[in-house]
Amino acid sequence: MDRGPGYLNGILSLFFNSQGPGGEYSEQERLAVPYFHRAKAAELLADLDRRFPNAPERADLHARLMEAYAATAKTMR
């Protein structure tokens, strides 16, 4: 019996996968980079909101962050 749920599936997936694990890992890592960039941008924008609530640039930065989210959503379809 598989004591680690998913362990056997992971091994079988690597065995039957047509790509090498290294290639698949690097592809998934490449796809993940925009998510980390958006998350960091959101953190920085939240910090800017706290520290400079009256900054006139905030509205434009929020709009650009929403555009980045929308662009990523379109590519995921």
PDB file of N, CA and C in Angstrom:
ATOM      1  N   MET A   1       0.843  -1.173   0.000  1.00  0.00           N
ATOM      2  CA  MET A   1       0.000   0.000   0.000  1.00  0.00           C
ATOM      3  C   MET A   1       0.895   1.245   0.000  1.00  0.00           C
ATOM      4  N   ASP A   2       0.465   2.249  -0.691  1.00  0.00           N
ATOM      5  CA  ASP A   2       1.215   3.509  -0.806  1.00  0.00           C
ATOM      6  C   ASP A   2       1.004   4.348   0.451  1.00  0.00           C
ATOM      7  N   ARG A   3       2.021   4.413   1.332  1.00  0.00           N
ATOM      8  CA  ARG A   3       1.897   5.179   2.583  1.00  0.00           C
ATOM      9  C   ARG A   3       1.953   6.686   2.330  1.00  0.00           C
ATOM     10  N   GLY A   4       2.617   7.094   1.266  1.00  0.00           N
ATOM     11  CA  GLY A   4       2.689   8.503   0.909  1.00  0.00           C
ATOM     12  C   GLY A   4       1.770   8.759  -0.271  1.00  0.00           C
ATOM     13  N   PRO A   5       0.544   9.253  -0.016  1.00  0.00           N
ATOM     14  CA  PRO A   5      -0.387   9.449  -1.136  1.00  0.00           C
ATOM     15  C   PRO A   5       0.249  10.280  -2.242  1.00  0.00           C
ATOM     16  N   GLY A   6       0.189   9.777  -3.419  1.00  0.00           N
ATOM     17  CA  GLY A   6       0.733  10.486  -4.555  1.00  0.00           C
ATOM     18  C   GLY A   6       2.157  10.099  -4.899  1.00  0.00           C
ATOM     19  N   TYR A   7       2.848   9.437  -4.001  1.00  0.00           N
ATOM     20  CA  TYR A   7       4.239   9.072  -4.248  1.00  0.00           C
ATOM     21  C   TYR A   7       4.342   8.127  -5.437  1.00  0.00           C
ATOM     22  N   LEU A   8       3.550   7.070  -5.422  1.00  0.00           N
ATOM     23  CA  LEU A   8       3.574   6.110  -6.520  1.00  0.00           C
ATOM     24  C   LEU A   8       3.114   6.769  -7.821  1.00  0.00           C
ATOM     25  N   ASN A   9       2.099   7.608  -7.741  1.00  0.00           N
ATOM     26  CA  ASN A   9       1.646   8.324  -8.936  1.00  0.00           C
ATOM     27  C   ASN A   9       2.743   9.217  -9.493  1.00  0.00           C
ATOM     28  N   GLY A  10       3.497   9.854  -8.611  1.00  0.00           N
ATOM     29  CA  GLY A  10       4.600  10.701  -9.067  1.00  0.00           C
ATOM     30  C   GLY A  10       5.673   9.904  -9.774  1.00  0.00           C
ATOM     31  N   ILE A  11       6.002   8.749  -9.227  1.00  0.00           N
ATOM     32  CA  ILE A  11       7.016   7.887  -9.854  1.00  0.00           C
ATOM     33  C   ILE A  11       6.517   7.401 -11.213  1.00  0.00           C
ATOM     34  N   LEU A  12       5.266   6.954 -11.269  1.00  0.00           N
ATOM     35  CA  LEU A  12       4.705   6.479 -12.544  1.00  0.00           C
ATOM     36  C   LEU A  12       4.616   7.604 -13.564  1.00  0.00           C
ATOM     37  N   SER A  13       4.272   8.794 -13.097  1.00  0.00           N
ATOM     38  CA  SER A  13       4.192   9.941 -13.994  1.00  0.00           C
ATOM     39  C   SER A  13       5.549  10.236 -14.621  1.00  0.00           C
ATOM     40  N   LEU A  14       6.609  10.185 -13.815  1.00  0.00           N
ATOM     41  CA  LEU A  14       7.950  10.410 -14.349  1.00  0.00           C
ATOM     42  C   LEU A  14       8.343   9.309 -15.327  1.00  0.00           C
ATOM     43  N   PHE A  15       7.939   8.089 -15.021  1.00  0.00           N
ATOM     44  CA  PHE A  15       8.288   6.956 -15.871  1.00  0.00           C
ATOM     45  C   PHE A  15       7.585   7.030 -17.229  1.00  0.00           C
ATOM     46  N   PHE A  16       6.301   7.379 -17.234  1.00  0.00           N
ATOM     47  CA  PHE A  16       5.524   7.382 -18.474  1.00  0.00           C
ATOM     48  C   PHE A  16       5.536   8.726 -19.195  1.00  0.00           C
ATOM     49  N   ASN A  17       6.110   9.733 -18.590  1.00  0.00           N
ATOM     50  CA  ASN A  17       6.133  11.052 -19.187  1.00  0.00           C
ATOM     51  C   ASN A  17       7.034  11.042 -20.422  1.00  0.00           C
ATOM     52  N   SER A  18       6.564  11.683 -21.490  1.00  0.00           N
ATOM     53  CA  SER A  18       7.349  11.712 -22.724  1.00  0.00           C
ATOM     54  C   SER A  18       8.524  12.690 -22.620  1.00  0.00           C
ATOM     55  N   GLN A  19       8.413  13.688 -21.750  1.00  0.00           N
ATOM     56  CA  GLN A  19       9.507  14.635 -21.554  1.00  0.00           C
ATOM     57  C   GLN A  19      10.338  14.202 -20.357  1.00  0.00           C
ATOM     58  N   GLY A  20      11.545  14.664 -20.321  1.00  0.00           N
ATOM     59  CA  GLY A  20      12.383  14.410 -19.156  1.00  0.00           C
ATOM     60  C   GLY A  20      11.925  15.266 -17.992  1.00  0.00           C
ATOM     61  N   PRO A  21      12.134  14.818 -16.773  1.00  0.00           N
ATOM     62  CA  PRO A  21      11.706  15.603 -15.614  1.00  0.00           C
ATOM     63  C   PRO A  21      12.364  16.975 -15.556  1.00  0.00           C
ATOM     64  N   GLY A  22      13.604  17.049 -15.990  1.00  0.00           N
ATOM     65  CA  GLY A  22      14.287  18.345 -15.977  1.00  0.00           C
ATOM     66  C   GLY A  22      13.639  19.346 -16.907  1.00  0.00           C
ATOM     67  N   GLY A  23      13.244  18.872 -18.077  1.00  0.00           N
ATOM     68  CA  GLY A  23      12.574  19.756 -19.034  1.00  0.00           C
ATOM     69  C   GLY A  23      11.216  20.208 -18.545  1.00  0.00           C
ATOM     70  N   GLU A  24      10.491  19.299 -17.938  1.00  0.00           N
ATOM     71  CA  GLU A  24       9.167  19.640 -17.407  1.00  0.00           C
ATOM     72  C   GLU A  24       9.295  20.625 -16.247  1.00  0.00           C
ATOM     73  N   TYR A  25      10.276  20.393 -15.379  1.00  0.00           N
ATOM     74  CA  TYR A  25      10.483  21.301 -14.249  1.00  0.00           C
ATOM     75  C   TYR A  25      10.823  22.706 -14.730  1.00  0.00           C
ATOM     76  N   SER A  26      11.719  22.811 -15.682  1.00  0.00           N
ATOM     77  CA  SER A  26      12.111  24.145 -16.155  1.00  0.00           C
ATOM     78  C   SER A  26      10.956  24.843 -16.867  1.00  0.00           C
ATOM     79  N   GLU A  27      10.107  24.074 -17.553  1.00  0.00           N
ATOM     80  CA  GLU A  27       8.931  24.676 -18.204  1.00  0.00           C
ATOM     81  C   GLU A  27       7.951  25.204 -17.159  1.00  0.00           C
ATOM     82  N   GLN A  28       7.697  24.431 -16.124  1.00  0.00           N
ATOM     83  CA  GLN A  28       6.789  24.879 -15.072  1.00  0.00           C
ATOM     84  C   GLN A  28       7.371  26.069 -14.315  1.00  0.00           C
ATOM     85  N   GLU A  29       8.658  26.070 -14.118  1.00  0.00           N
ATOM     86  CA  GLU A  29       9.307  27.199 -13.461  1.00  0.00           C
ATOM     87  C   GLU A  29       9.184  28.464 -14.310  1.00  0.00           C
ATOM     88  N   ARG A  30       9.345  28.310 -15.624  1.00  0.00           N
ATOM     89  CA  ARG A  30       9.204  29.454 -16.538  1.00  0.00           C
ATOM     90  C   ARG A  30       7.785  30.010 -16.487  1.00  0.00           C
ATOM     91  N   LEU A  31       6.793  29.116 -16.421  1.00  0.00           N
ATOM     92  CA  LEU A  31       5.403  29.552 -16.363  1.00  0.00           C
ATOM     93  C   LEU A  31       5.055  30.217 -15.031  1.00  0.00           C
ATOM     94  N   ALA A  32       5.768  29.875 -13.971  1.00  0.00           N
ATOM     95  CA  ALA A  32       5.466  30.409 -12.646  1.00  0.00           C
ATOM     96  C   ALA A  32       6.032  31.800 -12.411  1.00  0.00           C
ATOM     97  N   VAL A  33       7.033  32.189 -13.155  1.00  0.00           N
ATOM     98  CA  VAL A  33       7.699  33.476 -12.916  1.00  0.00           C
ATOM     99  C   VAL A  33       6.735  34.658 -12.944  1.00  0.00           C
ATOM    100  N   PRO A  34       5.824  34.760 -13.933  1.00  0.00           N
ATOM    101  CA  PRO A  34       4.904  35.913 -13.916  1.00  0.00           C
ATOM    102  C   PRO A  34       4.029  35.973 -12.662  1.00  0.00           C
ATOM    103  N   TYR A  35       3.648  34.830 -12.106  1.00  0.00           N
ATOM    104  CA  TYR A  35       2.845  34.833 -10.892  1.00  0.00           C
ATOM    105  C   TYR A  35       3.623  35.428  -9.724  1.00  0.00           C
ATOM    106  N   PHE A  36       4.887  35.068  -9.595  1.00  0.00           N
ATOM    107  CA  PHE A  36       5.693  35.613  -8.516  1.00  0.00           C
ATOM    108  C   PHE A  36       5.934  37.109  -8.714  1.00  0.00           C
ATOM    109  N   HIS A  37       6.113  37.533  -9.937  1.00  0.00           N
ATOM    110  CA  HIS A  37       6.303  38.965 -10.199  1.00  0.00           C
ATOM    111  C   HIS A  37       5.044  39.741  -9.846  1.00  0.00           C
ATOM    112  N   ARG A  38       3.876  39.216 -10.228  1.00  0.00           N
ATOM    113  CA  ARG A  38       2.619  39.895  -9.889  1.00  0.00           C
ATOM    114  C   ARG A  38       2.418  39.943  -8.385  1.00  0.00           C
ATOM    115  N   ALA A  39       2.732  38.854  -7.698  1.00  0.00           N
ATOM    116  CA  ALA A  39       2.563  38.823  -6.246  1.00  0.00           C
ATOM    117  C   ALA A  39       3.463  39.858  -5.574  1.00  0.00           C
ATOM    118  N   LYS A  40       4.685  39.964  -6.037  1.00  0.00           N
ATOM    119  CA  LYS A  40       5.605  40.951  -5.460  1.00  0.00           C
ATOM    120  C   LYS A  40       5.138  42.368  -5.769  1.00  0.00           C
ATOM    121  N   ALA A  41       4.635  42.584  -6.976  1.00  0.00           N
ATOM    122  CA  ALA A  41       4.120  43.907  -7.338  1.00  0.00           C
ATOM    123  C   ALA A  41       2.943  44.277  -6.445  1.00  0.00           C
ATOM    124  N   ALA A  42       2.079  43.319  -6.160  1.00  0.00           N
ATOM    125  CA  ALA A  42       0.938  43.580  -5.282  1.00  0.00           C
ATOM    126  C   ALA A  42       1.405  43.911  -3.865  1.00  0.00           C
ATOM    127  N   GLU A  43       2.422  43.213  -3.373  1.00  0.00           N
ATOM    128  CA  GLU A  43       2.981  43.515  -2.051  1.00  0.00           C
ATOM    129  C   GLU A  43       3.559  44.930  -2.010  1.00  0.00           C
ATOM    130  N   LEU A  44       4.325  45.270  -3.032  1.00  0.00           N
ATOM    131  CA  LEU A  44       4.931  46.603  -3.070  1.00  0.00           C
ATOM    132  C   LEU A  44       3.861  47.686  -3.168  1.00  0.00           C
ATOM    133  N   LEU A  45       2.822  47.424  -3.934  1.00  0.00           N
ATOM    134  CA  LEU A  45       1.742  48.406  -4.072  1.00  0.00           C
ATOM    135  C   LEU A  45       0.985  48.561  -2.757  1.00  0.00           C
ATOM    136  N   ALA A  46       0.758  47.476  -2.042  1.00  0.00           N
ATOM    137  CA  ALA A  46       0.100  47.560  -0.735  1.00  0.00           C
ATOM    138  C   ALA A  46       0.965  48.364   0.238  1.00  0.00           C
ATOM    139  N   ASP A  47       2.274  48.185   0.182  1.00  0.00           N
ATOM    140  CA  ASP A  47       3.183  48.957   1.031  1.00  0.00           C
ATOM    141  C   ASP A  47       3.131  50.434   0.656  1.00  0.00           C
ATOM    142  N   LEU A  48       3.097  50.716  -0.629  1.00  0.00           N
ATOM    143  CA  LEU A  48       2.985  52.099  -1.094  1.00  0.00           C
ATOM    144  C   LEU A  48       1.673  52.716  -0.603  1.00  0.00           C
ATOM    145  N   ASP A  49       0.583  51.952  -0.659  1.00  0.00           N
ATOM    146  CA  ASP A  49      -0.713  52.449  -0.180  1.00  0.00           C
ATOM    147  C   ASP A  49      -0.657  52.815   1.303  1.00  0.00           C
ATOM    148  N   ARG A  50       0.021  51.983   2.098  1.00  0.00           N
ATOM    149  CA  ARG A  50       0.130  52.250   3.536  1.00  0.00           C
ATOM    150  C   ARG A  50       1.018  53.457   3.826  1.00  0.00           C
ATOM    151  N   ARG A  51       2.134  53.514   3.129  1.00  0.00           N
ATOM    152  CA  ARG A  51       3.113  54.554   3.447  1.00  0.00           C
ATOM    153  C   ARG A  51       2.789  55.910   2.818  1.00  0.00           C
ATOM    154  N   PHE A  52       2.192  55.889   1.635  1.00  0.00           N
ATOM    155  CA  PHE A  52       1.902  57.136   0.910  1.00  0.00           C
ATOM    156  C   PHE A  52       0.464  57.128   0.395  1.00  0.00           C
ATOM    157  N   PRO A  53      -0.512  57.236   1.284  1.00  0.00           N
ATOM    158  CA  PRO A  53      -1.913  57.121   0.856  1.00  0.00           C
ATOM    159  C   PRO A  53      -2.381  58.229  -0.084  1.00  0.00           C
ATOM    160  N   ASN A  54      -1.698  59.339  -0.114  1.00  0.00           N
ATOM    161  CA  ASN A  54      -2.118  60.454  -0.967  1.00  0.00           C
ATOM    162  C   ASN A  54      -1.286  60.590  -2.238  1.00  0.00           C
ATOM    163  N   ALA A  55      -0.435  59.614  -2.540  1.00  0.00           N
ATOM    164  CA  ALA A  55       0.407  59.693  -3.738  1.00  0.00           C
ATOM    165  C   ALA A  55      -0.473  59.635  -4.988  1.00  0.00           C
ATOM    166  N   PRO A  56      -0.303  60.573  -5.892  1.00  0.00           N
ATOM    167  CA  PRO A  56      -1.152  60.591  -7.094  1.00  0.00           C
ATOM    168  C   PRO A  56      -0.870  59.435  -8.056  1.00  0.00           C
ATOM    169  N   GLU A  57       0.268  58.797  -7.934  1.00  0.00           N
ATOM    170  CA  GLU A  57       0.624  57.704  -8.841  1.00  0.00           C
ATOM    171  C   GLU A  57      -0.062  56.388  -8.503  1.00  0.00           C
ATOM    172  N   ARG A  58      -0.653  56.315  -7.328  1.00  0.00           N
ATOM    173  CA  ARG A  58      -1.244  55.049  -6.877  1.00  0.00           C
ATOM    174  C   ARG A  58      -2.326  54.530  -7.815  1.00  0.00           C
ATOM    175  N   ALA A  59      -3.180  55.385  -8.288  1.00  0.00           N
ATOM    176  CA  ALA A  59      -4.288  54.944  -9.149  1.00  0.00           C
ATOM    177  C   ALA A  59      -3.755  54.300 -10.431  1.00  0.00           C
ATOM    178  N   ASP A  60      -2.762  54.924 -11.037  1.00  0.00           N
ATOM    179  CA  ASP A  60      -2.177  54.366 -12.260  1.00  0.00           C
ATOM    180  C   ASP A  60      -1.501  53.027 -11.981  1.00  0.00           C
ATOM    181  N   LEU A  61      -0.815  52.921 -10.856  1.00  0.00           N
ATOM    182  CA  LEU A  61      -0.157  51.663 -10.512  1.00  0.00           C
ATOM    183  C   LEU A  61      -1.174  50.544 -10.261  1.00  0.00           C
ATOM    184  N   HIS A  62      -2.279  50.863  -9.618  1.00  0.00           N
ATOM    185  CA  HIS A  62      -3.340  49.867  -9.408  1.00  0.00           C
ATOM    186  C   HIS A  62      -3.921  49.421 -10.746  1.00  0.00           C
ATOM    187  N   ALA A  63      -4.125  50.357 -11.638  1.00  0.00           N
ATOM    188  CA  ALA A  63      -4.661  50.016 -12.961  1.00  0.00           C
ATOM    189  C   ALA A  63      -3.685  49.117 -13.723  1.00  0.00           C
ATOM    190  N   ARG A  64      -2.417  49.413 -13.643  1.00  0.00           N
ATOM    191  CA  ARG A  64      -1.420  48.593 -14.345  1.00  0.00           C
ATOM    192  C   ARG A  64      -1.322  47.191 -13.746  1.00  0.00           C
ATOM    193  N   LEU A  65      -1.484  47.079 -12.444  1.00  0.00           N
ATOM    194  CA  LEU A  65      -1.482  45.760 -11.809  1.00  0.00           C
ATOM    195  C   LEU A  65      -2.690  44.951 -12.285  1.00  0.00           C
ATOM    196  N   MET A  66      -3.846  45.592 -12.378  1.00  0.00           N
ATOM    197  CA  MET A  66      -5.046  44.897 -12.875  1.00  0.00           C
ATOM    198  C   MET A  66      -4.863  44.470 -14.331  1.00  0.00           C
ATOM    199  N   GLU A  67      -4.197  45.295 -15.126  1.00  0.00           N
ATOM    200  CA  GLU A  67      -3.909  44.917 -16.515  1.00  0.00           C
ATOM    201  C   GLU A  67      -2.999  43.691 -16.564  1.00  0.00           C
ATOM    202  N   ALA A  68      -2.039  43.616 -15.653  1.00  0.00           N
ATOM    203  CA  ALA A  68      -1.144  42.452 -15.607  1.00  0.00           C
ATOM    204  C   ALA A  68      -1.926  41.195 -15.245  1.00  0.00           C
ATOM    205  N   TYR A  69      -2.849  41.305 -14.286  1.00  0.00           N
ATOM    206  CA  TYR A  69      -3.690  40.159 -13.936  1.00  0.00           C
ATOM    207  C   TYR A  69      -4.552  39.741 -15.126  1.00  0.00           C
ATOM    208  N   ALA A  70      -5.134  40.718 -15.818  1.00  0.00           N
ATOM    209  CA  ALA A  70      -5.984  40.408 -16.975  1.00  0.00           C
ATOM    210  C   ALA A  70      -5.193  39.749 -18.107  1.00  0.00           C
ATOM    211  N   ALA A  71      -3.986  40.235 -18.352  1.00  0.00           N
ATOM    212  CA  ALA A  71      -3.157  39.671 -19.413  1.00  0.00           C
ATOM    213  C   ALA A  71      -2.804  38.218 -19.114  1.00  0.00           C
ATOM    214  N   THR A  72      -2.514  37.920 -17.853  1.00  0.00           N
ATOM    215  CA  THR A  72      -2.191  36.547 -17.482  1.00  0.00           C
ATOM    216  C   THR A  72      -3.424  35.663 -17.584  1.00  0.00           C
ATOM    217  N   ALA A  73      -4.573  36.188 -17.212  1.00  0.00           N
ATOM    218  CA  ALA A  73      -5.816  35.404 -17.306  1.00  0.00           C
ATOM    219  C   ALA A  73      -6.120  35.045 -18.758  1.00  0.00           C
ATOM    220  N   LYS A  74      -5.838  35.940 -19.684  1.00  0.00           N
ATOM    221  CA  LYS A  74      -6.095  35.673 -21.102  1.00  0.00           C
ATOM    222  C   LYS A  74      -5.180  34.562 -21.631  1.00  0.00           C
ATOM    223  N   THR A  75      -3.931  34.545 -21.160  1.00  0.00           N
ATOM    224  CA  THR A  75      -2.999  33.540 -21.665  1.00  0.00           C
ATOM    225  C   THR A  75      -3.274  32.158 -21.083  1.00  0.00           C
ATOM    226  N   MET A  76      -4.019  32.097 -19.967  1.00  0.00           N
ATOM    227  CA  MET A  76      -4.319  30.815 -19.346  1.00  0.00           C
ATOM    228  C   MET A  76      -5.481  30.094 -20.011  1.00  0.00           C
ATOM    229  N   ARG A  77      -6.240  30.761 -20.819  1.00  0.00           N
ATOM    230  CA  ARG A  77      -7.416  30.138 -21.468  1.00  0.00           C
ATOM    231  C   ARG A  77      -7.019  29.200 -22.554  1.00  0.00           C
TER     232      ARG A  77
END
